[in-house]
Amino acid sequence: MQEECLICKAPLEYLEADVLMECGICHKKELSKRCPFSKANH
């Protein structure tokens, strides 16, 4: 099963290392390997 962005439904991409990212919904910042960028640029 492929995961998708909750906002735009774009497929999630996974990075090699953790990066500090901000949630597009609640704005909480956490380390993650899930790429937050999509063609929608969010």
Protein backbone atom coordinates (compact mmCIF):
# COMPACT_ATOMS: atom_id res chain seq x y z
CA MET A 1 0.00 0.00 0.00
CA GLN A 2 1.40 3.38 -1.01
CA GLU A 3 0.92 6.25 1.42
CA GLU A 4 -0.26 9.64 0.20
CA CYS A 5 -0.31 13.25 1.36
CA LEU A 6 -3.35 14.04 3.53
CA ILE A 7 -3.67 17.46 1.88
CA CYS A 8 -3.11 16.88 -1.85
CA LYS A 9 -3.04 13.05 -2.14
CA ALA A 10 0.43 13.08 -3.78
CA PRO A 11 2.49 9.91 -3.14
CA LEU A 12 4.86 10.27 -0.17
CA GLU A 13 8.57 9.93 -0.82
CA TYR A 14 11.04 8.75 1.81
CA LEU A 15 14.43 10.39 2.43
CA GLU A 16 17.66 8.65 3.48
CA ALA A 17 18.02 10.60 6.74
CA ASP A 18 15.71 12.30 9.22
CA VAL A 19 15.01 15.98 8.56
CA LEU A 20 13.20 18.45 10.83
CA MET A 21 9.83 19.03 9.16
CA GLU A 22 6.68 20.96 9.98
CA CYS A 23 3.23 19.38 9.73
CA GLY A 24 1.07 21.16 7.15
CA ILE A 25 -2.02 20.64 9.33
CA CYS A 26 -1.02 21.25 12.98
CA HIS A 27 2.40 22.92 12.36
CA LYS A 28 4.15 20.66 14.90
CA LYS A 29 7.84 20.15 14.06
CA GLU A 30 9.35 16.64 14.19
CA LEU A 31 12.17 14.63 12.64
CA SER A 32 10.91 12.54 9.75
CA LYS A 33 12.04 10.64 6.66
CA ARG A 34 8.79 11.36 4.81
CA CYS A 35 9.29 14.03 2.18
CA PRO A 36 6.95 16.97 2.85
CA PHE A 37 7.33 18.43 -0.62
CA SER A 38 5.00 17.69 -3.49
CA LYS A 39 4.07 19.32 -6.77
CA ALA A 40 1.69 21.44 -4.67
CA ASN A 41 4.80 22.77 -2.83
CA HIS A 42 3.60 22.29 0.74
